[in-house]
Amino acid sequence: MYARITGIGSNLWMIGKIEDHTARPLSIEEIDVACDILNAKADSSREDRLKLFIWTDFSPDYTGGLAVAIAKDVEEAQKLIVEHRGFEVYNWGDLHVYPLKRKMAECVSGGG
C-alpha cells in the first residue's frame, strides 16, 4: 500500500494519495505513532555516525603529543589508538569530539 505523510499548513497531516482522493487527515494517535517511529530512526542513525576524536596533550613527555581517531564512540577510538600505538596509554590528555558533519580545525605547535 502506498502511503505518504505530508505536512499541510501548520495543523493538518494527511496520509494517502491526493491524486486519487484517498488522502485523509491523520488522527492525533497516528501522528504520535509516526513521530515515535521517526524519532527512533533518527536516534539510532545518530548512534551509528562516526565522530572525530582528538586528544591534545596526549601522552606527554617533554611536550604534549596528539592522537586522533575516527570512530563511533570513545571506547572504540581509544582501542584503535592503543592498537596503532602498540602499547597502553598512560595519559590520554584532553579530549575533543567533533561530529563529522561540521567543519573543524585543531593545531599543535612543535616544541622541544
PDB file of N, CA and C in Angstrom:
ATOM      1  N   MET A   1       0.837  -1.181   0.000  1.00  0.00           N
ATOM      2  CA  MET A   1       0.000   0.000   0.000  1.00  0.00           C
ATOM      3  C   MET A   1       0.877   1.238   0.000  1.00  0.00           C
ATOM      4  N   TYR A   2       0.548   2.146  -0.844  1.00  0.00           N
ATOM      5  CA  TYR A   2       1.282   3.399  -0.919  1.00  0.00           C
ATOM      6  C   TYR A   2       0.739   4.367   0.116  1.00  0.00           C
ATOM      7  N   ALA A   3       1.616   4.922   0.904  1.00  0.00           N
ATOM      8  CA  ALA A   3       1.176   5.913   1.884  1.00  0.00           C
ATOM      9  C   ALA A   3       2.210   7.020   1.949  1.00  0.00           C
ATOM     10  N   ARG A   4       1.740   8.209   2.093  1.00  0.00           N
ATOM     11  CA  ARG A   4       2.642   9.340   2.216  1.00  0.00           C
ATOM     12  C   ARG A   4       2.113  10.233   3.321  1.00  0.00           C
ATOM     13  N   ILE A   5       2.994  10.616   4.212  1.00  0.00           N
ATOM     14  CA  ILE A   5       2.609  11.558   5.261  1.00  0.00           C
ATOM     15  C   ILE A   5       3.123  12.920   4.820  1.00  0.00           C
ATOM     16  N   THR A   6       2.225  13.875   4.803  1.00  0.00           N
ATOM     17  CA  THR A   6       2.572  15.200   4.316  1.00  0.00           C
ATOM     18  C   THR A   6       2.107  16.247   5.306  1.00  0.00           C
ATOM     19  N   GLY A   7       2.962  17.199   5.604  1.00  0.00           N
ATOM     20  CA  GLY A   7       2.547  18.330   6.430  1.00  0.00           C
ATOM     21  C   GLY A   7       1.891  19.372   5.551  1.00  0.00           C
ATOM     22  N   ILE A   8       0.697  19.738   5.863  1.00  0.00           N
ATOM     23  CA  ILE A   8      -0.027  20.751   5.098  1.00  0.00           C
ATOM     24  C   ILE A   8      -0.417  21.848   6.086  1.00  0.00           C
ATOM     25  N   GLY A   9       0.059  23.039   5.835  1.00  0.00           N
ATOM     26  CA  GLY A   9      -0.202  24.107   6.786  1.00  0.00           C
ATOM     27  C   GLY A   9       0.521  23.799   8.083  1.00  0.00           C
ATOM     28  N   SER A  10      -0.023  24.272   9.190  1.00  0.00           N
ATOM     29  CA  SER A  10       0.651  24.024  10.457  1.00  0.00           C
ATOM     30  C   SER A  10      -0.041  22.960  11.296  1.00  0.00           C
ATOM     31  N   ASN A  11      -1.297  22.609  10.985  1.00  0.00           N
ATOM     32  CA  ASN A  11      -2.036  21.723  11.871  1.00  0.00           C
ATOM     33  C   ASN A  11      -2.592  20.471  11.210  1.00  0.00           C
ATOM     34  N   LEU A  12      -2.451  20.281   9.917  1.00  0.00           N
ATOM     35  CA  LEU A  12      -3.110  19.177   9.239  1.00  0.00           C
ATOM     36  C   LEU A  12      -2.081  18.253   8.607  1.00  0.00           C
ATOM     37  N   TRP A  13      -2.098  16.990   8.966  1.00  0.00           N
ATOM     38  CA  TRP A  13      -1.233  15.971   8.387  1.00  0.00           C
ATOM     39  C   TRP A  13      -2.125  14.985   7.662  1.00  0.00           C
ATOM     40  N   MET A  14      -1.724  14.609   6.440  1.00  0.00           N
ATOM     41  CA  MET A  14      -2.532  13.738   5.601  1.00  0.00           C
ATOM     42  C   MET A  14      -1.761  12.452   5.294  1.00  0.00           C
ATOM     43  N   ILE A  15      -2.505  11.372   5.040  1.00  0.00           N
ATOM     44  CA  ILE A  15      -1.925  10.121   4.597  1.00  0.00           C
ATOM     45  C   ILE A  15      -2.718   9.645   3.395  1.00  0.00           C
ATOM     46  N   GLY A  16      -2.032   9.039   2.436  1.00  0.00           N
ATOM     47  CA  GLY A  16      -2.683   8.544   1.232  1.00  0.00           C
ATOM     48  C   GLY A  16      -2.238   9.342   0.028  1.00  0.00           C
ATOM     49  N   LYS A  17      -2.953   9.154  -1.089  1.00  0.00           N
ATOM     50  CA  LYS A  17      -2.631   9.851  -2.331  1.00  0.00           C
ATOM     51  C   LYS A  17      -3.633  10.969  -2.568  1.00  0.00           C
ATOM     52  N   ILE A  18      -3.125  12.155  -2.712  1.00  0.00           N
ATOM     53  CA  ILE A  18      -4.006  13.275  -3.021  1.00  0.00           C
ATOM     54  C   ILE A  18      -4.561  13.104  -4.429  1.00  0.00           C
ATOM     55  N   GLU A  19      -3.739  12.550  -5.349  1.00  0.00           N
ATOM     56  CA  GLU A  19      -4.117  12.423  -6.748  1.00  0.00           C
ATOM     57  C   GLU A  19      -5.367  11.569  -6.947  1.00  0.00           C
ATOM     58  N   ASP A  20      -5.509  10.498  -6.195  1.00  0.00           N
ATOM     59  CA  ASP A  20      -6.680   9.627  -6.392  1.00  0.00           C
ATOM     60  C   ASP A  20      -7.708   9.772  -5.263  1.00  0.00           C
ATOM     61  N   HIS A  21      -7.586  10.859  -4.510  1.00  0.00           N
ATOM     62  CA  HIS A  21      -8.576  11.221  -3.487  1.00  0.00           C
ATOM     63  C   HIS A  21      -8.673  10.209  -2.340  1.00  0.00           C
ATOM     64  N   THR A  22      -7.581   9.497  -2.052  1.00  0.00           N
ATOM     65  CA  THR A  22      -7.590   8.596  -0.896  1.00  0.00           C
ATOM     66  C   THR A  22      -6.978   9.259   0.332  1.00  0.00           C
ATOM     67  N   ALA A  23      -6.541  10.502   0.192  1.00  0.00           N
ATOM     68  CA  ALA A  23      -5.922  11.199   1.322  1.00  0.00           C
ATOM     69  C   ALA A  23      -6.961  11.493   2.399  1.00  0.00           C
ATOM     70  N   ARG A  24      -6.542  11.339   3.636  1.00  0.00           N
ATOM     71  CA  ARG A  24      -7.405  11.656   4.768  1.00  0.00           C
ATOM     72  C   ARG A  24      -6.542  12.221   5.877  1.00  0.00           C
ATOM     73  N   PRO A  25      -7.110  13.024   6.763  1.00  0.00           N
ATOM     74  CA  PRO A  25      -6.325  13.555   7.878  1.00  0.00           C
ATOM     75  C   PRO A  25      -5.912  12.427   8.838  1.00  0.00           C
ATOM     76  N   LEU A  26      -4.729  12.555   9.374  1.00  0.00           N
ATOM     77  CA  LEU A  26      -4.264  11.619  10.402  1.00  0.00           C
ATOM     78  C   LEU A  26      -4.872  11.995  11.744  1.00  0.00           C
ATOM     79  N   SER A  27      -5.164  10.998  12.541  1.00  0.00           N
ATOM     80  CA  SER A  27      -5.624  11.264  13.897  1.00  0.00           C
ATOM     81  C   SER A  27      -4.417  11.636  14.763  1.00  0.00           C
ATOM     82  N   ILE A  28      -4.664  12.193  15.921  1.00  0.00           N
ATOM     83  CA  ILE A  28      -3.594  12.540  16.856  1.00  0.00           C
ATOM     84  C   ILE A  28      -2.791  11.295  17.215  1.00  0.00           C
ATOM     85  N   GLU A  29      -3.462  10.172  17.416  1.00  0.00           N
ATOM     86  CA  GLU A  29      -2.772   8.918  17.764  1.00  0.00           C
ATOM     87  C   GLU A  29      -1.851   8.476  16.639  1.00  0.00           C
ATOM     88  N   GLU A  30      -2.306   8.597  15.384  1.00  0.00           N
ATOM     89  CA  GLU A  30      -1.469   8.220  14.243  1.00  0.00           C
ATOM     90  C   GLU A  30      -0.258   9.140  14.116  1.00  0.00           C
ATOM     91  N   ILE A  31      -0.467  10.422  14.385  1.00  0.00           N
ATOM     92  CA  ILE A  31       0.654  11.366  14.339  1.00  0.00           C
ATOM     93  C   ILE A  31       1.673  11.023  15.418  1.00  0.00           C
ATOM     94  N   ASP A  32       1.193  10.699  16.628  1.00  0.00           N
ATOM     95  CA  ASP A  32       2.099  10.316  17.713  1.00  0.00           C
ATOM     96  C   ASP A  32       2.915   9.093  17.335  1.00  0.00           C
ATOM     97  N   VAL A  33       2.288   8.084  16.754  1.00  0.00           N
ATOM     98  CA  VAL A  33       2.996   6.864  16.344  1.00  0.00           C
ATOM     99  C   VAL A  33       4.031   7.195  15.275  1.00  0.00           C
ATOM    100  N   ALA A  34       3.644   8.004  14.274  1.00  0.00           N
ATOM    101  CA  ALA A  34       4.576   8.377  13.207  1.00  0.00           C
ATOM    102  C   ALA A  34       5.776   9.127  13.777  1.00  0.00           C
ATOM    103  N   CYS A  35       5.528  10.052  14.701  1.00  0.00           N
ATOM    104  CA  CYS A  35       6.624  10.804  15.315  1.00  0.00           C
ATOM    105  C   CYS A  35       7.535   9.893  16.127  1.00  0.00           C
ATOM    106  N   ASP A  36       6.966   8.935  16.853  1.00  0.00           N
ATOM    107  CA  ASP A  36       7.782   7.983  17.616  1.00  0.00           C
ATOM    108  C   ASP A  36       8.684   7.179  16.688  1.00  0.00           C
ATOM    109  N   ILE A  37       8.136   6.736  15.561  1.00  0.00           N
ATOM    110  CA  ILE A  37       8.930   5.955  14.598  1.00  0.00           C
ATOM    111  C   ILE A  37      10.051   6.808  14.025  1.00  0.00           C
ATOM    112  N   LEU A  38       9.730   8.038  13.617  1.00  0.00           N
ATOM    113  CA  LEU A  38      10.752   8.915  13.052  1.00  0.00           C
ATOM    114  C   LEU A  38      11.821   9.263  14.077  1.00  0.00           C
ATOM    115  N   ASN A  39      11.430   9.524  15.322  1.00  0.00           N
ATOM    116  CA  ASN A  39      12.408   9.832  16.366  1.00  0.00           C
ATOM    117  C   ASN A  39      13.300   8.638  16.651  1.00  0.00           C
ATOM    118  N   ALA A  40      12.746   7.429  16.664  1.00  0.00           N
ATOM    119  CA  ALA A  40      13.549   6.228  16.903  1.00  0.00           C
ATOM    120  C   ALA A  40      14.558   6.040  15.787  1.00  0.00           C
ATOM    121  N   LYS A  41      14.149   6.265  14.550  1.00  0.00           N
ATOM    122  CA  LYS A  41      15.084   6.141  13.425  1.00  0.00           C
ATOM    123  C   LYS A  41      16.186   7.182  13.532  1.00  0.00           C
ATOM    124  N   ALA A  42      15.825   8.415  13.869  1.00  0.00           N
ATOM    125  CA  ALA A  42      16.822   9.481  13.989  1.00  0.00           C
ATOM    126  C   ALA A  42      17.807   9.169  15.103  1.00  0.00           C
ATOM    127  N   ASP A  43      17.315   8.686  16.241  1.00  0.00           N
ATOM    128  CA  ASP A  43      18.204   8.356  17.356  1.00  0.00           C
ATOM    129  C   ASP A  43      19.149   7.225  16.995  1.00  0.00           C
ATOM    130  N   SER A  44      18.662   6.173  16.343  1.00  0.00           N
ATOM    131  CA  SER A  44      19.520   5.044  16.014  1.00  0.00           C
ATOM    132  C   SER A  44      20.542   5.428  14.960  1.00  0.00           C
ATOM    133  N   SER A  45      20.176   6.280  14.007  1.00  0.00           N
ATOM    134  CA  SER A  45      21.143   6.664  12.988  1.00  0.00           C
ATOM    135  C   SER A  45      22.203   7.587  13.575  1.00  0.00           C
ATOM    136  N   ARG A  46      21.855   8.384  14.585  1.00  0.00           N
ATOM    137  CA  ARG A  46      22.851   9.227  15.233  1.00  0.00           C
ATOM    138  C   ARG A  46      23.907   8.393  15.941  1.00  0.00           C
ATOM    139  N   GLU A  47      23.485   7.310  16.563  1.00  0.00           N
ATOM    140  CA  GLU A  47      24.425   6.461  17.288  1.00  0.00           C
ATOM    141  C   GLU A  47      25.428   5.809  16.355  1.00  0.00           C
ATOM    142  N   ASP A  48      25.046   5.586  15.096  1.00  0.00           N
ATOM    143  CA  ASP A  48      25.920   4.915  14.149  1.00  0.00           C
ATOM    144  C   ASP A  48      26.875   5.859  13.438  1.00  0.00           C
ATOM    145  N   ARG A  49      26.695   7.143  13.624  1.00  0.00           N
ATOM    146  CA  ARG A  49      27.543   8.100  12.920  1.00  0.00           C
ATOM    147  C   ARG A  49      28.946   8.131  13.505  1.00  0.00           C
ATOM    148  N   LEU A  50      29.898   8.307  12.614  1.00  0.00           N
ATOM    149  CA  LEU A  50      31.293   8.400  13.052  1.00  0.00           C
ATOM    150  C   LEU A  50      31.587   9.814  13.536  1.00  0.00           C
ATOM    151  N   LYS A  51      32.532   9.891  14.460  1.00  0.00           N
ATOM    152  CA  LYS A  51      32.966  11.172  15.014  1.00  0.00           C
ATOM    153  C   LYS A  51      34.488  11.226  14.952  1.00  0.00           C
ATOM    154  N   LEU A  52      35.005  12.428  14.984  1.00  0.00           N
ATOM    155  CA  LEU A  52      36.440  12.636  15.050  1.00  0.00           C
ATOM    156  C   LEU A  52      36.809  12.895  16.506  1.00  0.00           C
ATOM    157  N   PHE A  53      37.702  12.077  17.048  1.00  0.00           N
ATOM    158  CA  PHE A  53      38.178  12.209  18.424  1.00  0.00           C
ATOM    159  C   PHE A  53      39.611  12.722  18.374  1.00  0.00           C
ATOM    160  N   ILE A  54      39.870  13.809  19.089  1.00  0.00           N
ATOM    161  CA  ILE A  54      41.217  14.391  19.142  1.00  0.00           C
ATOM    162  C   ILE A  54      41.616  14.545  20.596  1.00  0.00           C
ATOM    163  N   TRP A  55      42.762  13.951  20.940  1.00  0.00           N
ATOM    164  CA  TRP A  55      43.330  14.143  22.274  1.00  0.00           C
ATOM    165  C   TRP A  55      44.528  15.062  22.136  1.00  0.00           C
ATOM    166  N   THR A  56      44.470  16.220  22.807  1.00  0.00           N
ATOM    167  CA  THR A  56      45.627  17.115  22.879  1.00  0.00           C
ATOM    168  C   THR A  56      46.341  16.830  24.198  1.00  0.00           C
ATOM    169  N   ASP A  57      47.572  17.223  24.285  1.00  0.00           N
ATOM    170  CA  ASP A  57      48.413  16.939  25.457  1.00  0.00           C
ATOM    171  C   ASP A  57      48.435  15.428  25.725  1.00  0.00           C
ATOM    172  N   PHE A  58      48.436  14.653  24.640  1.00  0.00           N
ATOM    173  CA  PHE A  58      48.390  13.197  24.687  1.00  0.00           C
ATOM    174  C   PHE A  58      49.750  12.638  25.092  1.00  0.00           C
ATOM    175  N   SER A  59      49.756  11.746  26.062  1.00  0.00           N
ATOM    176  CA  SER A  59      50.950  11.030  26.493  1.00  0.00           C
ATOM    177  C   SER A  59      52.176  11.955  26.559  1.00  0.00           C
ATOM    178  N   PRO A  60      52.110  12.994  27.396  1.00  0.00           N
ATOM    179  CA  PRO A  60      53.180  13.989  27.403  1.00  0.00           C
ATOM    180  C   PRO A  60      54.505  13.434  27.923  1.00  0.00           C
ATOM    181  N   ASP A  61      55.575  13.957  27.343  1.00  0.00           N
ATOM    182  CA  ASP A  61      56.919  13.661  27.821  1.00  0.00           C
ATOM    183  C   ASP A  61      57.526  15.028  28.106  1.00  0.00           C
ATOM    184  N   TYR A  62      58.366  15.539  27.234  1.00  0.00           N
ATOM    185  CA  TYR A  62      58.818  16.922  27.406  1.00  0.00           C
ATOM    186  C   TYR A  62      57.747  17.880  26.899  1.00  0.00           C
ATOM    187  N   THR A  63      57.003  17.452  25.898  1.00  0.00           N
ATOM    188  CA  THR A  63      55.866  18.217  25.399  1.00  0.00           C
ATOM    189  C   THR A  63      54.695  17.262  25.221  1.00  0.00           C
ATOM    190  N   GLY A  64      53.499  17.843  25.101  1.00  0.00           N
ATOM    191  CA  GLY A  64      52.311  17.026  24.890  1.00  0.00           C
ATOM    192  C   GLY A  64      52.236  16.530  23.457  1.00  0.00           C
ATOM    193  N   GLY A  65      51.680  15.356  23.296  1.00  0.00           N
ATOM    194  CA  GLY A  65      51.502  14.789  21.967  1.00  0.00           C
ATOM    195  C   GLY A  65      50.083  15.029  21.460  1.00  0.00           C
ATOM    196  N   LEU A  66      49.751  14.357  20.373  1.00  0.00           N
ATOM    197  CA  LEU A  66      48.450  14.481  19.745  1.00  0.00           C
ATOM    198  C   LEU A  66      48.032  13.098  19.261  1.00  0.00           C
ATOM    199  N   ALA A  67      46.782  12.744  19.509  1.00  0.00           N
ATOM    200  CA  ALA A  67      46.244  11.483  18.997  1.00  0.00           C
ATOM    201  C   ALA A  67      44.896  11.770  18.373  1.00  0.00           C
ATOM    202  N   VAL A  68      44.617  11.130  17.245  1.00  0.00           N
ATOM    203  CA  VAL A  68      43.333  11.298  16.566  1.00  0.00           C
ATOM    204  C   VAL A  68      42.789   9.939  16.163  1.00  0.00           C
ATOM    205  N   ALA A  69      41.469   9.836  16.147  1.00  0.00           N
ATOM    206  CA  ALA A  69      40.812   8.622  15.674  1.00  0.00           C
ATOM    207  C   ALA A  69      39.432   8.997  15.160  1.00  0.00           C
ATOM    208  N   ILE A  70      38.974   8.249  14.178  1.00  0.00           N
ATOM    209  CA  ILE A  70      37.610   8.364  13.699  1.00  0.00           C
ATOM    210  C   ILE A  70      36.903   7.083  14.093  1.00  0.00           C
ATOM    211  N   ALA A  71      35.860   7.213  14.898  1.00  0.00           N
ATOM    212  CA  ALA A  71      35.176   6.039  15.444  1.00  0.00           C
ATOM    213  C   ALA A  71      33.751   6.421  15.831  1.00  0.00           C
ATOM    214  N   LYS A  72      32.999   5.420  16.318  1.00  0.00           N
ATOM    215  CA  LYS A  72      31.616   5.661  16.735  1.00  0.00           C
ATOM    216  C   LYS A  72      31.526   6.187  18.155  1.00  0.00           C
ATOM    217  N   ASP A  73      32.468   5.774  19.034  1.00  0.00           N
ATOM    218  CA  ASP A  73      32.428   6.215  20.426  1.00  0.00           C
ATOM    219  C   ASP A  73      33.843   6.261  20.985  1.00  0.00           C
ATOM    220  N   VAL A  74      33.973   6.793  22.202  1.00  0.00           N
ATOM    221  CA  VAL A  74      35.288   6.979  22.832  1.00  0.00           C
ATOM    222  C   VAL A  74      36.011   5.648  23.011  1.00  0.00           C
ATOM    223  N   GLU A  75      35.271   4.635  23.468  1.00  0.00           N
ATOM    224  CA  GLU A  75      35.904   3.337  23.719  1.00  0.00           C
ATOM    225  C   GLU A  75      36.530   2.770  22.450  1.00  0.00           C
ATOM    226  N   GLU A  76      35.798   2.859  21.341  1.00  0.00           N
ATOM    227  CA  GLU A  76      36.321   2.357  20.069  1.00  0.00           C
ATOM    228  C   GLU A  76      37.527   3.181  19.621  1.00  0.00           C
ATOM    229  N   ALA A  77      37.458   4.504  19.796  1.00  0.00           N
ATOM    230  CA  ALA A  77      38.563   5.380  19.413  1.00  0.00           C
ATOM    231  C   ALA A  77      39.823   5.057  20.216  1.00  0.00           C
ATOM    232  N   GLN A  78      39.667   4.878  21.530  1.00  0.00           N
ATOM    233  CA  GLN A  78      40.832   4.546  22.360  1.00  0.00           C
ATOM    234  C   GLN A  78      41.410   3.188  21.981  1.00  0.00           C
ATOM    235  N   LYS A  79      40.562   2.234  21.700  1.00  0.00           N
ATOM    236  CA  LYS A  79      41.033   0.902  21.288  1.00  0.00           C
ATOM    237  C   LYS A  79      41.850   0.999  19.991  1.00  0.00           C
ATOM    238  N   LEU A  80      41.372   1.784  19.030  1.00  0.00           N
ATOM    239  CA  LEU A  80      42.098   1.958  17.774  1.00  0.00           C
ATOM    240  C   LEU A  80      43.466   2.592  18.006  1.00  0.00           C
ATOM    241  N   ILE A  81      43.525   3.578  18.889  1.00  0.00           N
ATOM    242  CA  ILE A  81      44.803   4.249  19.158  1.00  0.00           C
ATOM    243  C   ILE A  81      45.774   3.300  19.852  1.00  0.00           C
ATOM    244  N   VAL A  82      45.304   2.542  20.827  1.00  0.00           N
ATOM    245  CA  VAL A  82      46.179   1.579  21.523  1.00  0.00           C
ATOM    246  C   VAL A  82      46.698   0.537  20.537  1.00  0.00           C
ATOM    247  N   GLU A  83      45.825   0.042  19.645  1.00  0.00           N
ATOM    248  CA  GLU A  83      46.262  -0.931  18.637  1.00  0.00           C
ATOM    249  C   GLU A  83      47.308  -0.331  17.711  1.00  0.00           C
ATOM    250  N   HIS A  84      47.095   0.923  17.299  1.00  0.00           N
ATOM    251  CA  HIS A  84      48.042   1.589  16.406  1.00  0.00           C
ATOM    252  C   HIS A  84      49.373   1.853  17.109  1.00  0.00           C
ATOM    253  N   ARG A  85      49.290   2.265  18.351  1.00  0.00           N
ATOM    254  CA  ARG A  85      50.485   2.608  19.133  1.00  0.00           C
ATOM    255  C   ARG A  85      51.281   1.371  19.527  1.00  0.00           C
ATOM    256  N   GLY A  86      50.578   0.292  19.832  1.00  0.00           N
ATOM    257  CA  GLY A  86      51.261  -0.945  20.182  1.00  0.00           C
ATOM    258  C   GLY A  86      51.442  -1.173  21.671  1.00  0.00           C
ATOM    259  N   PHE A  87      51.074  -0.225  22.506  1.00  0.00           N
ATOM    260  CA  PHE A  87      51.130  -0.405  23.959  1.00  0.00           C
ATOM    261  C   PHE A  87      50.169   0.570  24.617  1.00  0.00           C
ATOM    262  N   GLU A  88      49.900   0.334  25.895  1.00  0.00           N
ATOM    263  CA  GLU A  88      48.891   1.100  26.632  1.00  0.00           C
ATOM    264  C   GLU A  88      49.271   2.578  26.751  1.00  0.00           C
ATOM    265  N   VAL A  89      48.260   3.390  26.900  1.00  0.00           N
ATOM    266  CA  VAL A  89      48.442   4.835  27.064  1.00  0.00           C
ATOM    267  C   VAL A  89      48.353   5.155  28.546  1.00  0.00           C
ATOM    268  N   TYR A  90      49.344   5.866  29.072  1.00  0.00           N
ATOM    269  CA  TYR A  90      49.324   6.186  30.500  1.00  0.00           C
ATOM    270  C   TYR A  90      48.664   7.533  30.788  1.00  0.00           C
ATOM    271  N   ASN A  91      48.570   8.409  29.792  1.00  0.00           N
ATOM    272  CA  ASN A  91      47.924   9.705  29.996  1.00  0.00           C
ATOM    273  C   ASN A  91      47.267  10.124  28.681  1.00  0.00           C
ATOM    274  N   TRP A  92      45.933  10.108  28.666  1.00  0.00           N
ATOM    275  CA  TRP A  92      45.203  10.419  27.437  1.00  0.00           C
ATOM    276  C   TRP A  92      45.178  11.916  27.124  1.00  0.00           C
ATOM    277  N   GLY A  93      45.300  12.771  28.087  1.00  0.00           N
ATOM    278  CA  GLY A  93      45.244  14.213  27.824  1.00  0.00           C
ATOM    279  C   GLY A  93      43.813  14.709  27.738  1.00  0.00           C
ATOM    280  N   ASP A  94      43.622  15.771  26.975  1.00  0.00           N
ATOM    281  CA  ASP A  94      42.315  16.430  26.857  1.00  0.00           C
ATOM    282  C   ASP A  94      41.600  15.970  25.592  1.00  0.00           C
ATOM    283  N   LEU A  95      40.359  15.548  25.748  1.00  0.00           N
ATOM    284  CA  LEU A  95      39.584  15.016  24.628  1.00  0.00           C
ATOM    285  C   LEU A  95      38.675  16.083  24.017  1.00  0.00           C
ATOM    286  N   HIS A  96      38.673  16.122  22.677  1.00  0.00           N
ATOM    287  CA  HIS A  96      37.767  16.973  21.906  1.00  0.00           C
ATOM    288  C   HIS A  96      37.060  16.058  20.906  1.00  0.00           C
ATOM    289  N   VAL A  97      35.727  16.136  20.851  1.00  0.00           N
ATOM    290  CA  VAL A  97      34.952  15.267  19.965  1.00  0.00           C
ATOM    291  C   VAL A  97      34.192  16.137  18.970  1.00  0.00           C
ATOM    292  N   TYR A  98      34.287  15.779  17.684  1.00  0.00           N
ATOM    293  CA  TYR A  98      33.629  16.544  16.631  1.00  0.00           C
ATOM    294  C   TYR A  98      32.807  15.612  15.745  1.00  0.00           C
ATOM    295  N   PRO A  99      31.506  15.872  15.598  1.00  0.00           N
ATOM    296  CA  PRO A  99      30.730  15.124  14.604  1.00  0.00           C
ATOM    297  C   PRO A  99      31.318  15.428  13.227  1.00  0.00           C
ATOM    298  N   LEU A 100      31.366  14.457  12.368  1.00  0.00           N
ATOM    299  CA  LEU A 100      31.999  14.667  11.065  1.00  0.00           C
ATOM    300  C   LEU A 100      31.175  15.523  10.116  1.00  0.00           C
ATOM    301  N   LYS A 101      29.971  15.898  10.502  1.00  0.00           N
ATOM    302  CA  LYS A 101      29.142  16.724   9.629  1.00  0.00           C
ATOM    303  C   LYS A 101      29.461  18.218   9.753  1.00  0.00           C
ATOM    304  N   ARG A 102      30.337  18.586  10.661  1.00  0.00           N
ATOM    305  CA  ARG A 102      30.645  20.007  10.801  1.00  0.00           C
ATOM    306  C   ARG A 102      32.128  20.241  10.554  1.00  0.00           C
ATOM    307  N   LYS A 103      32.467  21.447  10.133  1.00  0.00           N
ATOM    308  CA  LYS A 103      33.866  21.810   9.876  1.00  0.00           C
ATOM    309  C   LYS A 103      34.562  22.046  11.198  1.00  0.00           C
ATOM    310  N   MET A 104      35.852  21.721  11.246  1.00  0.00           N
ATOM    311  CA  MET A 104      36.621  21.946  12.460  1.00  0.00           C
ATOM    312  C   MET A 104      38.093  22.002  12.110  1.00  0.00           C
ATOM    313  N   ALA A 105      38.886  22.504  13.032  1.00  0.00           N
ATOM    314  CA  ALA A 105      40.339  22.535  12.875  1.00  0.00           C
ATOM    315  C   ALA A 105      40.965  22.371  14.246  1.00  0.00           C
ATOM    316  N   GLU A 106      42.136  21.766  14.276  1.00  0.00           N
ATOM    317  CA  GLU A 106      42.882  21.591  15.525  1.00  0.00           C
ATOM    318  C   GLU A 106      44.366  21.707  15.158  1.00  0.00           C
ATOM    319  N   CYS A 107      45.142  22.366  15.979  1.00  0.00           N
ATOM    320  CA  CYS A 107      46.566  22.548  15.720  1.00  0.00           C
ATOM    321  C   CYS A 107      47.384  22.216  16.952  1.00  0.00           C
ATOM    322  N   VAL A 108      48.585  21.745  16.725  1.00  0.00           N
ATOM    323  CA  VAL A 108      49.555  21.534  17.805  1.00  0.00           C
ATOM    324  C   VAL A 108      50.876  22.101  17.320  1.00  0.00           C
ATOM    325  N   SER A 109      51.405  23.068  18.066  1.00  0.00           N
ATOM    326  CA  SER A 109      52.698  23.655  17.700  1.00  0.00           C
ATOM    327  C   SER A 109      53.822  22.735  18.122  1.00  0.00           C
ATOM    328  N   GLY A 110      54.892  22.788  17.406  1.00  0.00           N
ATOM    329  CA  GLY A 110      56.064  21.989  17.753  1.00  0.00           C
ATOM    330  C   GLY A 110      56.783  22.561  18.965  1.00  0.00           C
ATOM    331  N   GLY A 111      57.609  21.791  19.566  1.00  0.00           N
ATOM    332  CA  GLY A 111      58.347  22.249  20.728  1.00  0.00           C
ATOM    333  C   GLY A 111      59.389  21.240  21.137  1.00  0.00           C
ATOM    334  N   GLY A 112      60.222  21.604  22.041  1.00  0.00           N
ATOM    335  CA  GLY A 112      61.296  20.716  22.424  1.00  0.00           C
ATOM    336  C   GLY A 112      61.265  20.452  23.841  1.00  0.00           C
TER     337      GLY A 112
END
